[in-house]
Amino acid sequence: MSCDFCHYITDDPEIDDCNKSRLSCERNQEIEKVEYIKENIIAFVNKYCNANFDEIVVLNNLAGYRVHRDSGKYNTPESYNFGDVFNYDANLTKRRIEKVEEMKKEFCVLFNQKYDNTSYYIENGELVVKINVSDKVLQESGWTKGRKSIVEV
């Protein structure tokens, strides 16, 4: 297990938190390597972040949580989405995952491909699909909805 980024987020706009508020675990090659499992992640966070968590939740990408906002001044508190205010909806996430699996199969058939070549992500709370095939494949398939669209779930 390793840690690429770990720093305090201050409320001081003059402080470059990412570079000036780093914790000792960030990119530290001297840290003992342990298996990437839930118990070890909790222990790591508690040790290096001076925390006392007894639970963590790993969300699917389609849950809609992103660390960074699409707006706000870079490298300031306003550029972050804080996890403690994120309202996780397990049922909505499950429906999104099911819808994506359904679309993957449909797009493989439609675009005559062995593997799905589309991107699926959440933007402004909505499921977005982005088609990543060539113009020729789009034309041959008869697809006319554009390369990026919002999907109802």
C-alpha atoms as a PDB file:
ATOM      1  CA  MET A   1       0.000   0.000   0.000  1.00  0.00           C
ATOM      2  CA  SER A   2       1.241   3.503  -0.752  1.00  0.00           C
ATOM      3  CA  CYS A   3      -0.081   7.041  -0.584  1.00  0.00           C
ATOM      4  CA  ASP A   4       0.263   9.456  -3.494  1.00  0.00           C
ATOM      5  CA  PHE A   5      -1.410  12.488  -1.921  1.00  0.00           C
ATOM      6  CA  CYS A   6      -2.079  13.225   1.734  1.00  0.00           C
ATOM      7  CA  HIS A   7      -2.243  16.725   3.118  1.00  0.00           C
ATOM      8  CA  TYR A   8      -4.249  18.900   5.450  1.00  0.00           C
ATOM      9  CA  ILE A   9      -6.714  21.298   3.904  1.00  0.00           C
ATOM     10  CA  THR A  10      -6.409  24.647   5.636  1.00  0.00           C
ATOM     11  CA  ASP A  11      -8.747  27.602   5.390  1.00  0.00           C
ATOM     12  CA  ASP A  12      -5.848  29.894   4.561  1.00  0.00           C
ATOM     13  CA  PRO A  13      -5.928  30.923   0.873  1.00  0.00           C
ATOM     14  CA  GLU A  14      -2.271  31.941   1.127  1.00  0.00           C
ATOM     15  CA  ILE A  15      -1.166  28.370   1.898  1.00  0.00           C
ATOM     16  CA  ASP A  16      -0.583  25.951  -0.966  1.00  0.00           C
ATOM     17  CA  ASP A  17      -1.941  22.954   0.980  1.00  0.00           C
ATOM     18  CA  CYS A  18      -0.962  20.356  -1.607  1.00  0.00           C
ATOM     19  CA  ASN A  19       2.682  21.393  -1.324  1.00  0.00           C
ATOM     20  CA  LYS A  20       2.958  23.020   2.105  1.00  0.00           C
ATOM     21  CA  SER A  21       0.635  20.890   4.275  1.00  0.00           C
ATOM     22  CA  ARG A  22       1.823  17.423   3.270  1.00  0.00           C
ATOM     23  CA  LEU A  23       1.837  14.578   5.772  1.00  0.00           C
ATOM     24  CA  SER A  24       4.844  12.302   6.218  1.00  0.00           C
ATOM     25  CA  CYS A  25       3.125   9.340   4.549  1.00  0.00           C
ATOM     26  CA  GLU A  26       2.803  11.049   1.173  1.00  0.00           C
ATOM     27  CA  ARG A  27       5.010   9.327  -1.410  1.00  0.00           C
ATOM     28  CA  ASN A  28       7.112   7.906   1.398  1.00  0.00           C
ATOM     29  CA  GLN A  29       8.975   4.862   0.115  1.00  0.00           C
ATOM     30  CA  GLU A  30      10.172   4.004   3.622  1.00  0.00           C
ATOM     31  CA  ILE A  31       6.699   3.101   4.884  1.00  0.00           C
ATOM     32  CA  GLU A  32       6.240  -0.612   5.497  1.00  0.00           C
ATOM     33  CA  LYS A  33       4.401  -2.203   2.593  1.00  0.00           C
ATOM     34  CA  VAL A  34       1.204  -3.931   3.635  1.00  0.00           C
ATOM     35  CA  GLU A  35      -1.644  -5.590   1.797  1.00  0.00           C
ATOM     36  CA  TYR A  36      -4.285  -3.209   0.429  1.00  0.00           C
ATOM     37  CA  ILE A  37      -7.236  -4.375   2.532  1.00  0.00           C
ATOM     38  CA  LYS A  38      -9.819  -2.492   4.567  1.00  0.00           C
ATOM     39  CA  GLU A  39      -8.203  -3.098   7.967  1.00  0.00           C
ATOM     40  CA  ASN A  40      -4.805  -1.890   6.766  1.00  0.00           C
ATOM     41  CA  ILE A  41      -6.286   1.187   5.113  1.00  0.00           C
ATOM     42  CA  ILE A  42      -8.043   2.187   8.349  1.00  0.00           C
ATOM     43  CA  ALA A  43      -4.849   1.617  10.356  1.00  0.00           C
ATOM     44  CA  PHE A  44      -2.816   3.657   7.832  1.00  0.00           C
ATOM     45  CA  VAL A  45      -5.232   6.605   7.893  1.00  0.00           C
ATOM     46  CA  ASN A  46      -5.482   6.566  11.681  1.00  0.00           C
ATOM     47  CA  LYS A  47      -1.710   6.445  12.107  1.00  0.00           C
ATOM     48  CA  TYR A  48      -0.632   9.048   9.568  1.00  0.00           C
ATOM     49  CA  CYS A  49      -3.626  11.404   9.722  1.00  0.00           C
ATOM     50  CA  ASN A  50      -3.929  11.467  13.499  1.00  0.00           C
ATOM     51  CA  ALA A  51      -7.445  10.081  13.193  1.00  0.00           C
ATOM     52  CA  ASN A  52      -9.570   7.517  14.959  1.00  0.00           C
ATOM     53  CA  PHE A  53     -11.767   5.971  12.270  1.00  0.00           C
ATOM     54  CA  ASP A  54     -13.306   2.548  12.765  1.00  0.00           C
ATOM     55  CA  GLU A  55     -14.975   2.375   9.354  1.00  0.00           C
ATOM     56  CA  ILE A  56     -14.321   3.365   5.744  1.00  0.00           C
ATOM     57  CA  VAL A  57     -16.487   3.051   2.674  1.00  0.00           C
ATOM     58  CA  VAL A  58     -15.120   2.590  -0.823  1.00  0.00           C
ATOM     59  CA  LEU A  59     -17.617   3.916  -3.320  1.00  0.00           C
ATOM     60  CA  ASN A  60     -18.122   2.799  -6.879  1.00  0.00           C
ATOM     61  CA  ASN A  61     -17.173   5.492  -9.378  1.00  0.00           C
ATOM     62  CA  LEU A  62     -20.842   5.698 -10.378  1.00  0.00           C
ATOM     63  CA  ALA A  63     -21.844   6.764  -6.857  1.00  0.00           C
ATOM     64  CA  GLY A  64     -21.044  10.290  -7.989  1.00  0.00           C
ATOM     65  CA  TYR A  65     -18.510  11.365  -5.378  1.00  0.00           C
ATOM     66  CA  ARG A  66     -15.441  13.213  -6.617  1.00  0.00           C
ATOM     67  CA  VAL A  67     -12.748  14.728  -4.422  1.00  0.00           C
ATOM     68  CA  HIS A  68     -12.398  17.846  -6.579  1.00  0.00           C
ATOM     69  CA  ARG A  69     -15.212  20.126  -7.672  1.00  0.00           C
ATOM     70  CA  ASP A  70     -15.568  21.392 -11.202  1.00  0.00           C
ATOM     71  CA  SER A  71     -15.426  24.940  -9.827  1.00  0.00           C
ATOM     72  CA  GLY A  72     -13.652  26.833  -7.089  1.00  0.00           C
ATOM     73  CA  LYS A  73     -10.163  28.230  -6.859  1.00  0.00           C
ATOM     74  CA  TYR A  74      -7.575  25.509  -7.423  1.00  0.00           C
ATOM     75  CA  ASN A  75      -5.768  24.239  -4.337  1.00  0.00           C
ATOM     76  CA  THR A  76      -8.073  25.981  -1.864  1.00  0.00           C
ATOM     77  CA  PRO A  77     -10.823  24.528   0.354  1.00  0.00           C
ATOM     78  CA  GLU A  78     -13.453  25.672  -2.146  1.00  0.00           C
ATOM     79  CA  SER A  79     -12.049  23.286  -4.772  1.00  0.00           C
ATOM     80  CA  TYR A  80     -12.857  20.176  -2.695  1.00  0.00           C
ATOM     81  CA  ASN A  81     -15.982  18.112  -2.171  1.00  0.00           C
ATOM     82  CA  PHE A  82     -15.817  17.055   1.456  1.00  0.00           C
ATOM     83  CA  GLY A  83     -16.881  13.456   1.987  1.00  0.00           C
ATOM     84  CA  ASP A  84     -18.770  14.119   5.201  1.00  0.00           C
ATOM     85  CA  VAL A  85     -21.380  16.132   3.285  1.00  0.00           C
ATOM     86  CA  PHE A  86     -21.782  13.680   0.383  1.00  0.00           C
ATOM     87  CA  ASN A  87     -25.194  11.992   0.385  1.00  0.00           C
ATOM     88  CA  TYR A  88     -24.582   8.456  -0.795  1.00  0.00           C
ATOM     89  CA  ASP A  89     -27.562   6.755  -2.427  1.00  0.00           C
ATOM     90  CA  ALA A  90     -26.851   3.004  -2.618  1.00  0.00           C
ATOM     91  CA  ASN A  91     -30.011   2.295  -4.621  1.00  0.00           C
ATOM     92  CA  LEU A  92     -29.221   4.967  -7.231  1.00  0.00           C
ATOM     93  CA  THR A  93     -25.647   3.694  -7.524  1.00  0.00           C
ATOM     94  CA  LYS A  94     -26.926   0.137  -8.032  1.00  0.00           C
ATOM     95  CA  ARG A  95     -29.313   1.295 -10.774  1.00  0.00           C
ATOM     96  CA  ARG A  96     -26.521   3.229 -12.492  1.00  0.00           C
ATOM     97  CA  ILE A  97     -24.235   0.188 -12.429  1.00  0.00           C
ATOM     98  CA  GLU A  98     -26.989  -1.999 -13.900  1.00  0.00           C
ATOM     99  CA  LYS A  99     -27.745   0.592 -16.602  1.00  0.00           C
ATOM    100  CA  VAL A 100     -24.059   0.857 -17.548  1.00  0.00           C
ATOM    101  CA  GLU A 101     -23.743  -2.941 -17.838  1.00  0.00           C
ATOM    102  CA  GLU A 102     -26.811  -2.971 -20.090  1.00  0.00           C
ATOM    103  CA  MET A 103     -25.423  -0.160 -22.277  1.00  0.00           C
ATOM    104  CA  LYS A 104     -22.003  -1.818 -22.552  1.00  0.00           C
ATOM    105  CA  LYS A 105     -23.609  -4.886 -24.118  1.00  0.00           C
ATOM    106  CA  GLU A 106     -25.775  -2.784 -26.432  1.00  0.00           C
ATOM    107  CA  PHE A 107     -22.844  -0.665 -27.607  1.00  0.00           C
ATOM    108  CA  CYS A 108     -20.686  -3.734 -28.304  1.00  0.00           C
ATOM    109  CA  VAL A 109     -23.399  -5.051 -30.590  1.00  0.00           C
ATOM    110  CA  LEU A 110     -24.224  -1.657 -32.132  1.00  0.00           C
ATOM    111  CA  PHE A 111     -20.602  -0.786 -32.884  1.00  0.00           C
ATOM    112  CA  ASN A 112     -19.607  -4.376 -33.745  1.00  0.00           C
ATOM    113  CA  GLN A 113     -16.885  -4.520 -31.093  1.00  0.00           C
ATOM    114  CA  LYS A 114     -15.642  -7.241 -28.783  1.00  0.00           C
ATOM    115  CA  TYR A 115     -15.130  -4.732 -25.940  1.00  0.00           C
ATOM    116  CA  ASP A 116     -17.077  -1.645 -24.983  1.00  0.00           C
ATOM    117  CA  ASN A 117     -15.360   1.574 -26.031  1.00  0.00           C
ATOM    118  CA  THR A 118     -17.408   4.123 -24.113  1.00  0.00           C
ATOM    119  CA  SER A 119     -16.858   6.135 -20.929  1.00  0.00           C
ATOM    120  CA  TYR A 120     -19.413   6.350 -18.145  1.00  0.00           C
ATOM    121  CA  TYR A 121     -19.235   8.911 -15.362  1.00  0.00           C
ATOM    122  CA  ILE A 122     -21.287  11.184 -13.147  1.00  0.00           C
ATOM    123  CA  GLU A 123     -21.401  14.899 -13.935  1.00  0.00           C
ATOM    124  CA  ASN A 124     -23.599  17.291 -11.985  1.00  0.00           C
ATOM    125  CA  GLY A 125     -25.414  14.331 -10.467  1.00  0.00           C
ATOM    126  CA  GLU A 126     -26.300  12.756 -13.819  1.00  0.00           C
ATOM    127  CA  LEU A 127     -25.020   9.636 -15.575  1.00  0.00           C
ATOM    128  CA  VAL A 128     -23.101  10.604 -18.700  1.00  0.00           C
ATOM    129  CA  VAL A 129     -22.042   8.309 -21.521  1.00  0.00           C
ATOM    130  CA  LYS A 130     -19.300   9.328 -23.932  1.00  0.00           C
ATOM    131  CA  ILE A 131     -18.893   7.393 -27.170  1.00  0.00           C
ATOM    132  CA  ASN A 132     -15.239   6.800 -28.080  1.00  0.00           C
ATOM    133  CA  VAL A 133     -15.404   5.110 -31.460  1.00  0.00           C
ATOM    134  CA  SER A 134     -14.234   6.447 -34.812  1.00  0.00           C
ATOM    135  CA  ASP A 135     -16.440   8.652 -36.957  1.00  0.00           C
ATOM    136  CA  LYS A 136     -16.579   5.838 -39.499  1.00  0.00           C
ATOM    137  CA  VAL A 137     -17.937   3.362 -36.926  1.00  0.00           C
ATOM    138  CA  LEU A 138     -20.491   5.932 -35.746  1.00  0.00           C
ATOM    139  CA  GLN A 139     -21.667   6.493 -39.301  1.00  0.00           C
ATOM    140  CA  GLU A 140     -21.814   2.773 -40.159  1.00  0.00           C
ATOM    141  CA  SER A 141     -23.834   2.047 -37.001  1.00  0.00           C
ATOM    142  CA  GLY A 142     -26.380   4.759 -37.711  1.00  0.00           C
ATOM    143  CA  TRP A 143     -25.760   6.401 -34.327  1.00  0.00           C
ATOM    144  CA  THR A 144     -27.022   9.993 -34.456  1.00  0.00           C
ATOM    145  CA  LYS A 145     -27.208  11.015 -30.781  1.00  0.00           C
ATOM    146  CA  GLY A 146     -23.756  12.575 -30.637  1.00  0.00           C
ATOM    147  CA  ARG A 147     -20.708  11.481 -28.683  1.00  0.00           C
ATOM    148  CA  LYS A 148     -21.804  12.626 -25.239  1.00  0.00           C
ATOM    149  CA  SER A 149     -25.233  12.311 -23.706  1.00  0.00           C
ATOM    150  CA  ILE A 150     -27.028  12.132 -20.382  1.00  0.00           C
ATOM    151  CA  VAL A 151     -28.682   8.822 -19.567  1.00  0.00           C
ATOM    152  CA  GLU A 152     -31.872   8.515 -17.540  1.00  0.00           C
ATOM    153  CA  VAL A 153     -31.608   5.964 -14.760  1.00  0.00           C
END
